[in-house]
Protein backbone atom coordinates (compact mmCIF):
# COMPACT_ATOMS: atom_id res chain seq x y z
CA UNK A 1 -63.79 -17.86 67.12
CA UNK A 2 -62.32 -21.34 66.82
CA UNK A 3 -58.92 -21.61 68.66
CA UNK A 4 -57.44 -23.77 65.88
CA UNK A 5 -57.14 -23.11 62.15
CA UNK A 6 -55.71 -24.07 58.84
CA UNK A 7 -53.61 -21.23 57.42
CA UNK A 8 -52.39 -20.52 53.83
CA UNK A 9 -50.79 -17.58 52.07
CA UNK A 10 -51.57 -15.49 48.93
CA UNK A 11 -49.80 -12.68 47.17
CA UNK A 12 -50.31 -10.75 43.95
CA UNK A 13 -53.04 -10.71 41.39
CA UNK A 14 -52.21 -14.00 39.58
CA UNK A 15 -54.27 -17.09 39.26
CA UNK A 16 -53.02 -18.65 42.48
CA UNK A 17 -56.26 -17.56 44.11
CA UNK A 18 -57.78 -20.67 42.27
CA UNK A 19 -55.47 -22.85 44.30
CA UNK A 20 -56.64 -21.30 47.59
CA UNK A 21 -60.30 -21.85 46.49
CA UNK A 22 -59.49 -25.44 45.71
CA UNK A 23 -57.86 -25.82 49.07
CA UNK A 24 -60.90 -24.36 50.86
CA UNK A 25 -63.35 -26.65 48.99
CA UNK A 26 -61.07 -29.65 49.65
CA UNK A 27 -61.17 -28.89 53.48
CA UNK A 28 -64.93 -28.60 53.30
CA UNK A 29 -65.18 -31.95 51.44
CA UNK A 30 -63.56 -33.76 54.40
CA UNK A 31 -65.86 -31.81 56.73
CA UNK A 32 -63.23 -30.09 58.75
CA UNK A 33 -64.55 -28.12 61.67
CA UNK A 34 -61.65 -25.55 61.54
CA UNK A 35 -61.56 -22.45 59.34
CA UNK A 36 -59.08 -21.56 56.65
CA UNK A 37 -57.32 -18.43 57.41
CA UNK A 38 -55.65 -16.74 54.30
CA UNK A 39 -52.77 -14.49 55.07
CA UNK A 40 -52.56 -12.07 52.15
CA UNK A 41 -50.18 -9.26 51.11
CA UNK A 42 -51.50 -5.81 50.31
CA UNK A 43 -51.13 -6.46 46.53
CA UNK A 44 -53.90 -9.01 46.52
CA UNK A 45 -56.73 -7.26 44.56
CA UNK A 46 -60.29 -6.63 45.93
CA UNK A 47 -62.03 -9.09 43.60
CA UNK A 48 -59.68 -11.93 44.83
CA UNK A 49 -60.42 -11.09 48.34
CA UNK A 50 -64.11 -11.15 47.75
CA UNK A 51 -63.77 -14.67 46.14
CA UNK A 52 -61.97 -15.84 49.25
CA UNK A 53 -64.70 -14.45 51.58
CA UNK A 54 -67.46 -15.93 49.39
CA UNK A 55 -65.67 -19.38 49.95
CA UNK A 56 -65.78 -18.96 53.78
CA UNK A 57 -62.11 -18.04 54.18
CA UNK A 58 -60.97 -15.68 56.99
CA UNK A 59 -58.80 -13.08 55.16
CA UNK A 60 -56.01 -11.47 57.08
CA UNK A 61 -53.83 -8.81 55.46
CA UNK A 62 -50.24 -8.85 56.57
CA UNK A 63 -47.40 -6.49 55.95
CA UNK A 64 -44.38 -7.78 53.75
CA UNK A 65 -41.17 -8.80 55.40
CA UNK A 66 -38.25 -7.39 53.45
CA UNK A 67 -34.61 -8.61 53.84
CA UNK A 68 -32.13 -6.17 55.49
CA UNK A 69 -30.97 -3.43 53.16
CA UNK A 70 -27.34 -4.49 53.24
CA UNK A 71 -28.44 -8.01 51.97
CA UNK A 72 -30.75 -7.00 49.21
CA UNK A 73 -28.08 -7.90 46.55
CA UNK A 74 -28.52 -11.57 47.48
CA UNK A 75 -32.29 -11.57 47.86
CA UNK A 76 -34.69 -12.27 45.03
CA UNK A 77 -38.20 -10.83 44.94
CA UNK A 78 -39.48 -14.40 45.62
CA UNK A 79 -37.80 -14.32 49.00
CA UNK A 80 -40.04 -11.57 50.19
CA UNK A 81 -43.01 -13.89 49.77
CA UNK A 82 -41.27 -16.56 51.84
CA UNK A 83 -40.19 -14.14 54.61
CA UNK A 84 -43.61 -12.60 54.80
CA UNK A 85 -45.06 -16.01 55.70
CA UNK A 86 -43.29 -15.47 59.11
CA UNK A 87 -46.16 -13.02 59.91
CA UNK A 88 -48.37 -16.06 60.42
CA UNK A 89 -46.68 -16.41 63.87
CA UNK A 90 -48.48 -13.22 64.75
CA UNK A 91 -51.86 -14.92 64.62
CA UNK A 92 -51.68 -15.47 68.36
CA UNK A 93 -55.38 -15.83 68.76
CA UNK A 94 -54.99 -19.39 67.53
CA UNK A 95 -53.56 -22.00 69.85
CA UNK A 96 -52.68 -24.35 66.97
CA UNK A 97 -52.37 -23.86 63.26
CA UNK A 98 -51.63 -26.14 60.38
CA UNK A 99 -50.03 -24.33 57.32
CA UNK A 100 -51.02 -25.62 53.97
CA UNK A 101 -49.69 -24.13 50.65
CA UNK A 102 -52.30 -23.04 48.15
CA UNK A 103 -51.25 -25.73 45.71
CA UNK A 104 -52.04 -28.52 48.26
CA UNK A 105 -55.27 -30.67 47.95
CA UNK A 106 -56.58 -32.29 51.07
CA UNK A 107 -58.43 -35.55 50.61
CA UNK A 108 -58.92 -36.50 54.27
CA UNK A 109 -59.44 -34.56 57.47
CA UNK A 110 -56.16 -33.70 59.31
CA UNK A 111 -56.23 -33.78 63.00
CA UNK A 112 -54.51 -31.41 65.40
CA UNK A 113 -52.37 -33.45 67.77
CA UNK A 114 -49.91 -32.82 70.50
CA UNK A 115 -47.42 -35.33 69.09
CA UNK A 116 -45.23 -34.06 66.27
CA UNK A 117 -43.74 -36.49 63.88
CA UNK A 118 -42.15 -36.23 60.33
CA UNK A 119 -44.99 -36.06 57.73
CA UNK A 120 -45.13 -39.14 55.56
CA UNK A 121 -45.80 -39.11 51.79
CA UNK A 122 -49.39 -40.08 52.68
CA UNK A 123 -50.00 -36.69 54.14
CA UNK A 124 -47.52 -34.67 52.05
CA UNK A 125 -47.06 -36.21 48.56
CA UNK A 126 -44.62 -34.10 46.66
CA UNK A 127 -45.33 -35.12 43.05
CA UNK A 128 -41.69 -35.62 42.13
CA UNK A 129 -41.62 -38.61 44.53
CA UNK A 130 -43.81 -40.45 42.07
CA UNK A 131 -41.02 -40.88 39.69
CA UNK A 132 -38.01 -40.43 41.94
CA UNK A 133 -38.97 -42.69 44.81
CA UNK A 134 -41.95 -44.70 43.59
CA UNK A 135 -41.05 -47.57 46.06
CA UNK A 136 -41.97 -45.11 48.91
CA UNK A 137 -45.40 -44.28 47.60
CA UNK A 138 -48.67 -46.10 48.38
CA UNK A 139 -50.75 -44.15 45.90
CA UNK A 140 -54.10 -45.45 46.98
CA UNK A 141 -53.50 -44.20 50.54
CA UNK A 142 -52.43 -40.68 49.63
CA UNK A 143 -54.40 -38.11 51.54
CA UNK A 144 -52.66 -34.77 50.83
CA UNK A 145 -51.10 -33.86 47.51
CA UNK A 146 -48.63 -31.00 47.04
CA UNK A 147 -48.81 -29.85 43.34
CA UNK A 148 -45.38 -28.30 43.41
CA UNK A 149 -43.62 -30.07 40.42
CA UNK A 150 -43.06 -28.00 37.31
CA UNK A 151 -46.27 -27.96 35.30
CA UNK A 152 -48.36 -29.69 37.87
CA UNK A 153 -50.50 -26.77 39.07
CA UNK A 154 -54.10 -28.06 38.10
CA UNK A 155 -55.28 -24.70 37.01
CA UNK A 156 -52.32 -24.31 34.59
CA UNK A 157 -51.89 -27.94 33.65
CA UNK A 158 -51.19 -28.69 30.03
CA UNK A 159 -49.47 -32.13 30.28
CA UNK A 160 -46.57 -30.79 28.13
CA UNK A 161 -43.91 -30.49 30.84
CA UNK A 162 -41.58 -33.33 31.73
CA UNK A 163 -43.37 -36.14 33.60
CA UNK A 164 -46.67 -34.41 33.34
CA UNK A 165 -48.14 -36.97 30.90
CA UNK A 166 -48.05 -39.61 33.46
CA UNK A 167 -51.33 -41.38 34.23
CA UNK A 168 -51.02 -40.83 37.98
CA UNK A 169 -50.51 -37.11 37.45
CA UNK A 170 -53.56 -36.87 35.16
CA UNK A 171 -55.55 -38.73 37.81
CA UNK A 172 -54.45 -36.31 40.57
CA UNK A 173 -55.17 -33.23 38.41
CA UNK A 174 -58.66 -34.62 37.62
CA UNK A 175 -59.30 -35.06 41.38
CA UNK A 176 -58.46 -31.42 42.00
CA UNK A 177 -60.76 -30.23 39.28
CA UNK A 178 -63.55 -32.52 40.49
CA UNK A 179 -63.32 -30.81 43.87
CA UNK A 180 -62.94 -27.36 42.52
CA UNK A 181 -65.89 -27.59 40.15
CA UNK A 182 -68.17 -29.22 42.73
CA UNK A 183 -70.72 -26.52 43.46
CA UNK A 184 -72.04 -28.40 46.44
CA UNK A 185 -68.71 -27.51 48.20
CA UNK A 186 -69.19 -23.81 47.64
CA UNK A 187 -69.42 -22.09 51.07
CA UNK A 188 -72.89 -20.61 50.38
CA UNK A 189 -74.31 -24.08 49.46
CA UNK A 190 -72.77 -25.96 52.47
CA UNK A 191 -74.25 -23.19 54.72
CA UNK A 192 -77.67 -23.66 53.07
CA UNK A 193 -77.43 -27.41 53.47
CA UNK A 194 -76.46 -27.14 57.16
CA UNK A 195 -79.43 -24.78 57.76
CA UNK A 196 -81.77 -27.14 55.91
CA UNK A 197 -80.60 -30.07 58.05
CA UNK A 198 -81.02 -28.02 61.23
CA UNK A 199 -84.55 -27.05 60.15
CA UNK A 200 -85.43 -30.61 59.44
CA UNK A 201 -84.23 -31.76 62.90
CA UNK A 202 -86.23 -28.87 64.55
CA UNK A 203 -89.35 -29.82 62.65
CA UNK A 204 -88.98 -33.49 63.67
CA UNK A 205 -88.53 -32.59 67.32
CA UNK A 206 -91.53 -30.28 67.17
CA UNK A 207 -93.64 -33.13 65.59
CA UNK A 208 -92.57 -35.51 68.33
CA UNK A 209 -93.36 -33.10 71.14
CA UNK A 210 -96.74 -32.36 69.53
CA UNK A 211 -97.52 -36.06 69.30
CA UNK A 212 -96.54 -36.53 72.96
CA UNK A 213 -98.65 -33.62 74.13
CA UNK A 214 -101.71 -34.95 72.26
CA UNK A 215 -101.35 -38.58 73.27
CA UNK A 216 -104.22 -40.03 75.33
CA UNK A 217 -102.98 -41.95 78.48
CA UNK A 218 -105.34 -44.49 79.91
CA UNK A 219 -104.88 -45.24 83.62
CA UNK A 220 -105.97 -48.54 85.17
CA UNK A 221 -106.89 -48.39 88.83
CA UNK A 222 -104.79 -50.85 90.89
CA UNK A 223 -106.53 -52.87 93.54
CA UNK A 224 -106.02 -51.78 97.20
CA UNK A 225 -103.11 -53.34 99.02
CA UNK A 226 -104.01 -55.46 102.08
């Protein structure tokens, strides 16, 4: 088992599973060598779990974390989801993990490093920054997009919400769908491709060894030394 991993979270039976599939395929597109571990709550249905496994995800069911009983009047149901993400710290079999929300799309491999720095918009583009702080955005250099603005989830996108009719938003949504619909990035196809490449390399080596074994070597007798 790899000692490092990407981790995301999934709860409920809604359409957020599409986001996780898109994330898994995005990581495969950049040829990451680390797995995507999906921490799920018990309410994730069987068919959604099967989809995740079919996309090469490592599915780990976790128990919900509820707020203290004397504070439930201040806690919304949504907080249980956020609190439950703390269970990821229990994945002690991994020496390093990078957490990515399911509505993130990764366009370049992220490296595990020992130096921790604030994440720039290049590696964590929150879409609202496109219209709130455009001076800080180098759009062509963006590698990781967080589709967290209202109406920006690609699998729910209609373009009707505020700011969602922008051309840069439309382009990012299209990029997400291009990756999501790319069948070559499905786990089963990437495995088949890797096996084909390994078979080709094996056959090439076998042919080389056969050629060497069948080669005829001619020796020329050297004159005797005085």
